Structure formats: structure tokens, C-alpha cells
Protein backbone atom coordinates (compact mmCIF):
# COMPACT_ATOMS: atom_id res chain seq x y z
CA MET A 1 33.59 26.97 25.28
CA LYS A 2 34.02 24.01 22.83
CA SER A 3 33.75 21.50 25.63
CA LYS A 4 30.46 23.06 26.85
CA LEU A 5 28.87 22.86 23.32
CA ALA A 6 30.04 19.34 22.63
CA ALA A 7 27.99 17.59 25.21
CA PRO A 8 24.56 18.88 24.05
CA VAL A 9 25.51 18.19 20.53
CA ILE A 10 26.48 14.55 21.32
CA ALA A 11 23.36 14.01 23.37
CA PHE A 12 21.24 15.26 20.40
CA MET A 13 22.82 13.03 17.96
CA ILE A 14 22.35 10.03 20.23
CA SER A 15 18.69 10.97 20.54
CA LEU A 16 18.35 11.04 16.83
CA LEU A 17 19.98 7.68 16.45
CA GLY A 18 17.71 6.14 18.96
CA THR A 19 14.65 7.51 17.16
CA ALA A 20 15.78 6.18 13.85
CA LEU A 21 16.37 2.72 15.41
CA LEU A 22 12.87 2.77 16.98
CA LEU A 23 11.26 3.59 13.61
CA ARG A 24 13.23 1.16 11.67
CA PRO A 25 11.03 -1.90 12.57
CA MET A 26 7.84 0.04 11.77
CA ILE A 27 9.20 0.66 8.26
CA VAL A 28 10.10 -3.02 7.68
CA ALA A 29 6.79 -4.17 9.06
CA ALA A 30 4.93 -1.89 6.64
CA ASP A 31 6.98 -3.25 3.69
CA SER A 32 6.39 -6.88 4.76
CA ALA A 33 2.65 -6.26 4.81
CA SER A 34 2.34 -5.35 1.17
CA GLY A 35 1.80 -7.74 -1.60
CA SER A 36 1.10 -7.80 -5.33
CA ILE A 37 -1.84 -8.12 -7.73
CA SER A 38 -1.14 -9.98 -10.86
CA GLY A 39 -3.04 -11.71 -13.69
CA GLN A 40 -3.94 -11.74 -17.40
CA VAL A 41 -6.12 -9.82 -19.65
CA LYS A 42 -7.47 -11.88 -22.67
CA PHE A 43 -9.46 -11.38 -25.78
CA GLN A 44 -12.34 -13.75 -26.38
CA GLY A 45 -12.93 -14.82 -29.96
CA THR A 46 -11.10 -13.71 -33.15
CA PRO A 47 -9.24 -10.46 -32.70
CA PRO A 48 -10.00 -7.74 -35.17
CA LYS A 49 -7.55 -7.59 -38.12
CA MET A 50 -4.86 -4.94 -37.78
CA THR A 51 -4.92 -2.35 -40.58
CA HIS A 52 -1.90 -1.63 -42.71
CA ILE A 53 -0.49 1.85 -42.28
CA ASP A 54 0.57 3.77 -45.43
CA MET A 55 3.69 5.94 -44.59
CA SER A 56 4.61 6.89 -48.08
CA THR A 57 3.97 10.52 -47.50
CA ASP A 58 7.16 10.65 -45.43
CA PRO A 59 10.00 8.71 -46.96
CA ASN A 60 11.88 8.83 -43.63
CA CYS A 61 9.06 6.91 -41.94
CA ALA A 62 8.66 4.47 -44.75
CA LYS A 63 12.37 3.62 -44.61
CA ALA A 64 12.18 2.98 -40.90
CA HIS A 65 10.04 -0.29 -41.63
CA ALA A 66 11.48 -3.06 -43.46
CA GLY A 67 8.10 -4.70 -43.81
CA SER A 68 4.35 -3.62 -43.28
CA ASN A 69 3.50 -1.47 -40.21
CA THR A 70 0.09 -1.86 -38.70
CA THR A 71 -2.30 -0.24 -36.36
CA GLN A 72 -2.03 -1.06 -32.51
CA ASP A 73 -5.65 -0.60 -31.54
CA VAL A 74 -6.37 -4.20 -30.45
CA VAL A 75 -3.14 -6.34 -30.17
CA ALA A 76 -3.68 -9.98 -29.10
CA GLY A 77 -1.07 -12.66 -28.92
CA SER A 78 -1.32 -16.25 -30.12
CA GLY A 79 -2.81 -17.30 -26.84
CA GLY A 80 -5.31 -14.47 -26.72
CA GLY A 81 -3.51 -12.33 -24.35
CA LEU A 82 -4.30 -8.72 -24.86
CA GLU A 83 -1.49 -6.16 -24.99
CA ASN A 84 -1.50 -2.48 -23.96
CA VAL A 85 -4.23 -2.76 -21.35
CA VAL A 86 -3.90 -0.51 -18.40
CA VAL A 87 -4.71 -2.33 -15.07
CA TYR A 88 -4.95 -0.25 -11.94
CA VAL A 89 -6.36 0.14 -8.40
CA ALA A 90 -9.48 2.33 -8.88
CA ASP A 91 -10.85 2.40 -5.24
CA GLY A 92 -9.92 1.17 -1.80
CA LEU A 93 -6.62 3.02 -1.17
CA PRO A 94 -6.17 5.14 1.88
CA ALA A 95 -6.72 8.94 1.36
CA GLN A 96 -3.04 9.99 1.26
CA ALA A 97 -0.75 11.74 -1.26
CA PHE A 98 1.82 9.57 -3.05
CA GLN A 99 5.11 11.14 -4.22
CA PRO A 100 5.91 10.72 -7.96
CA PRO A 101 9.01 8.64 -8.76
CA ALA A 102 12.23 10.49 -9.53
CA GLN A 103 12.59 8.40 -12.62
CA PRO A 104 11.07 10.03 -15.61
CA ALA A 105 8.57 8.26 -17.76
CA VAL A 106 9.65 8.05 -21.37
CA PHE A 107 7.45 8.37 -24.52
CA ASP A 108 9.47 7.70 -27.59
CA GLN A 109 8.71 8.26 -31.23
CA LYS A 110 10.62 5.61 -33.29
CA GLY A 111 9.74 4.46 -36.79
CA CYS A 112 7.00 7.13 -36.89
CA THR A 113 5.19 5.27 -34.18
CA TYR A 114 4.90 5.85 -30.37
CA SER A 115 6.79 3.52 -28.07
CA PRO A 116 5.15 2.37 -25.89
CA HIS A 117 1.72 2.70 -27.64
CA VAL A 118 0.20 3.07 -24.12
CA LEU A 119 2.20 4.81 -21.37
CA ALA A 120 1.26 4.83 -17.59
CA MET A 121 2.75 7.30 -15.21
CA GLN A 122 2.10 9.30 -12.07
CA ALA A 123 0.72 12.78 -11.84
CA ASN A 124 3.62 15.27 -11.49
CA GLN A 125 6.19 12.60 -12.66
CA LYS A 126 8.51 14.04 -15.41
CA LEU A 127 7.73 12.93 -18.81
CA ASP A 128 10.63 12.72 -21.39
CA VAL A 129 9.42 12.86 -24.98
CA VAL A 130 12.09 11.49 -27.36
CA ASN A 131 12.31 11.81 -31.09
CA ASP A 132 14.54 8.96 -32.40
CA ASP A 133 13.48 9.56 -35.99
CA LYS A 134 15.13 11.52 -38.82
CA THR A 135 12.01 13.53 -39.34
CA THR A 136 10.26 16.24 -37.29
CA HIS A 137 7.25 15.23 -35.25
CA ASN A 138 4.48 17.22 -33.54
CA ILE A 139 3.32 15.67 -30.30
CA HIS A 140 -0.21 16.80 -29.20
CA PRO A 141 -1.81 15.29 -26.01
CA MET A 142 -5.46 16.00 -25.86
CA PRO A 143 -6.51 15.78 -22.19
CA GLU A 144 -9.81 16.69 -20.63
CA ASN A 145 -8.54 17.09 -17.04
CA ASN A 146 -5.07 18.38 -17.59
CA ARG A 147 -3.44 21.23 -19.59
CA GLU A 148 -3.30 20.65 -23.26
CA TRP A 149 -0.06 21.23 -25.02
CA ASN A 150 1.09 20.92 -28.58
CA LYS A 151 4.80 20.97 -29.56
CA THR A 152 6.94 20.52 -32.65
CA GLN A 153 9.87 18.31 -32.03
CA PRO A 154 12.79 18.06 -34.36
CA PRO A 155 15.05 15.06 -34.44
CA GLY A 156 17.15 14.67 -31.19
CA ILE A 157 15.57 17.61 -29.42
CA PRO A 158 14.24 16.60 -26.02
CA ILE A 159 10.86 17.83 -24.50
CA GLU A 160 10.06 17.58 -20.97
CA GLU A 161 6.49 17.89 -19.54
CA THR A 162 4.31 16.83 -16.60
CA PHE A 163 0.51 16.21 -16.00
CA ALA A 164 -0.77 17.43 -12.72
CA ARG A 165 -3.99 15.51 -12.29
CA GLU A 166 -5.14 11.87 -12.77
CA GLU A 167 -6.64 11.00 -16.17
CA ILE A 168 -7.23 7.68 -17.90
CA ALA A 169 -6.23 8.06 -20.53
CA ILE A 170 -5.10 10.94 -22.49
CA PRO A 171 -5.09 10.56 -26.34
CA VAL A 172 -1.86 11.73 -28.14
CA LYS A 173 -1.51 12.46 -31.85
CA CYS A 174 1.09 13.77 -34.26
CA ASN A 175 -0.29 16.78 -36.27
CA ILE A 176 2.22 15.92 -38.99
CA HIS A 177 1.86 12.14 -39.37
CA PRO A 178 -1.93 11.42 -39.00
CA TRP A 179 -1.48 7.67 -38.37
CA MET A 180 0.38 8.28 -35.22
CA HIS A 181 -1.63 7.93 -32.00
CA GLY A 182 -1.12 6.64 -28.60
CA TYR A 183 -2.34 7.12 -24.97
CA ILE A 184 -0.84 8.36 -21.78
CA ALA A 185 -2.68 7.15 -18.56
CA VAL A 186 -1.89 9.39 -15.46
CA PHE A 187 -2.60 8.19 -11.91
CA LYS A 188 -2.40 9.86 -8.49
CA HIS A 189 -0.87 6.73 -6.96
CA PRO A 190 1.79 4.13 -8.01
CA PHE A 191 -0.47 1.09 -8.28
CA PHE A 192 -0.93 0.41 -11.88
CA ALA A 193 0.57 -1.75 -14.70
CA VAL A 194 0.27 -2.03 -18.61
CA THR A 195 -0.10 -5.61 -19.97
CA ASP A 196 2.66 -7.22 -21.92
CA GLN A 197 2.63 -9.05 -25.32
CA GLU A 198 0.90 -12.03 -23.57
CA GLY A 199 -1.59 -9.94 -21.58
CA HIS A 200 0.20 -10.43 -18.19
CA PHE A 201 0.43 -7.72 -15.57
CA GLU A 202 1.60 -7.19 -12.08
CA ILE A 203 1.03 -4.35 -9.77
CA LYS A 204 3.56 -4.48 -6.88
CA ASN A 205 3.87 -3.13 -3.38
CA VAL A 206 0.06 -2.89 -2.86
CA PRO A 207 -0.91 -2.58 0.92
CA ALA A 208 -3.38 -5.13 2.42
CA GLY A 209 -7.05 -4.17 1.76
CA ASN A 210 -10.14 -4.66 -0.24
CA TYR A 211 -9.90 -2.95 -3.75
CA THR A 212 -11.64 -2.34 -6.93
CA ILE A 213 -9.40 -3.13 -9.86
CA LYS A 214 -10.08 -1.77 -13.41
CA ALA A 215 -8.75 -2.72 -16.78
CA TRP A 216 -8.93 -0.17 -19.51
CA GLN A 217 -8.43 -0.85 -23.26
CA GLU A 218 -8.60 1.96 -25.82
CA LYS A 219 -11.27 0.32 -28.08
CA LEU A 220 -12.88 -2.27 -25.93
CA GLY A 221 -13.75 -0.09 -22.80
CA THR A 222 -13.28 -0.79 -19.04
CA GLN A 223 -13.94 -3.82 -16.86
CA THR A 224 -14.07 -3.87 -13.05
CA GLN A 225 -13.65 -6.51 -10.40
CA PRO A 226 -13.03 -6.78 -6.73
CA VAL A 227 -9.70 -8.05 -5.23
CA SER A 228 -9.04 -8.66 -1.54
CA LEU A 229 -5.33 -8.70 -0.64
CA GLN A 230 -4.25 -10.03 2.66
CA ALA A 231 -1.16 -8.87 4.58
CA GLY A 232 1.98 -10.08 2.83
CA GLN A 233 -0.03 -12.18 0.38
CA SER A 234 -0.65 -11.90 -3.41
CA GLY A 235 -3.97 -11.41 -5.31
CA THR A 236 -5.05 -12.27 -8.72
CA ALA A 237 -7.31 -10.88 -11.30
CA THR A 238 -8.28 -11.94 -14.87
CA PHE A 239 -10.26 -9.92 -17.33
CA VAL A 240 -11.71 -11.13 -20.67
CA PHE A 241 -12.63 -8.49 -23.32
CA LYS A 242 -14.69 -9.23 -26.50
CA GLN A 243 -16.24 -7.24 -29.29
């Protein structure tokens, strides 16, 4: 009986192996056809002066900062590069569902400020909210296209949440510390980035195609430009904001 069953099983396994080998070149070809879109976001002119934040109402917050802490609404580097700008593919992608990454996005509360100030993540990706301070926070996202939630978070107690739908971007505040605010941008695809301290960004693994790219800044609005990406090549985009 065992010998009669063994032959069909072996044949089935060989068939699966053959199918996998046939599919492998297709997967490699698709990967090799993707590219990246990179560039820089700049501020034209003199950036607005960042405002001092008075944290004296909570001694734990005040002690966390050796010097002055300032607002993060518009942060420009010495060369004019604009930080915390969300750059993303807004149009041109094929109509398909993109699975969220297994790695959670992390929104930290450290020194009674949000880190990062602007977080970008995918819809249905797990969001880990962390409280690294020695004081209690109250994290309160205020979406228009997602479920609103409002949770008190003592030190060291984790919070896990998700956002089901795309929304750019969700304001977040702390009902205990009124100076705390940040943003969470939620996308239905993985083709987005947030600019670094010099305003640089890179969106990786983008399929070839003709796209509309947008750059969103919390105070300065949104800019749009087209980008054409050839198979296996890279594209560039530069955005310049001003008040």
C-alpha cells in the first residue's frame, strides 16, 4: 500500500517544483523592472521662526529638555531642505491591493514630543504607540476617513492600533499636554517617503509607469508634479515651497 501511494506523491512534488522554477524568472524580471523616485523638497526664502514651547506645567516634560524646545511646524535645514514632508505616488499605480508590511510603524512619545513628528504608514499596518516619558500621555488621532480613538497611556504601557483607510494626513494631539501635536499619513500602497533633515526623500521599488507625485506639508499645503519612470531606471522630483 505504501509503495502505491509513494509514486503519486513524488510525481505531485516534482510538478510543484517545476512550477516554482518556471515562476522564478517571472518574479526576478518584475523586480528588475522596478526603480526609485528620489529628490529634494526645499523652502524658498527665510523660514518662519520656530516658537519656543513652554513645558513648565509638567516638570517631567521640562526636565527632559536641557535647552529650549521649539515647534516643528516648518523645519528647514541650513541649505533650505524641508524636513517632515510626505512625498508619495498619488496617481498612476495599477488597480491592485497591496499587503501591509509585517513590521509595525512606531509612533513614540519622548520628551513630551512626538517622534517622528510626521509618520507615514500603510493602511492595516500595525501601529505601535510608545510612551518613553515618565509622565502619562493621552494620544488622540482625529481622522476624517478612519475611526477616531482617544487613549490614555501611562509610562511603559504599549498601545496597538491600525487605520483601515488611506488618509493624508491625520492630526494627532495629546489632551494632557496641549503643545504636543503630530501627523500620521496613511496610504493604501507602499510608495511613499518622509523627507529627512536636508529635505531628501527616496521612494523605492516603484514599477515603471507614468505617475503623479505629491508632496504634502502640514502648514504649506500640497504640490504636484508628473514623473515618468522607465523599466529599471530611476526618476527624480524637486519641490519648492514658500509662504
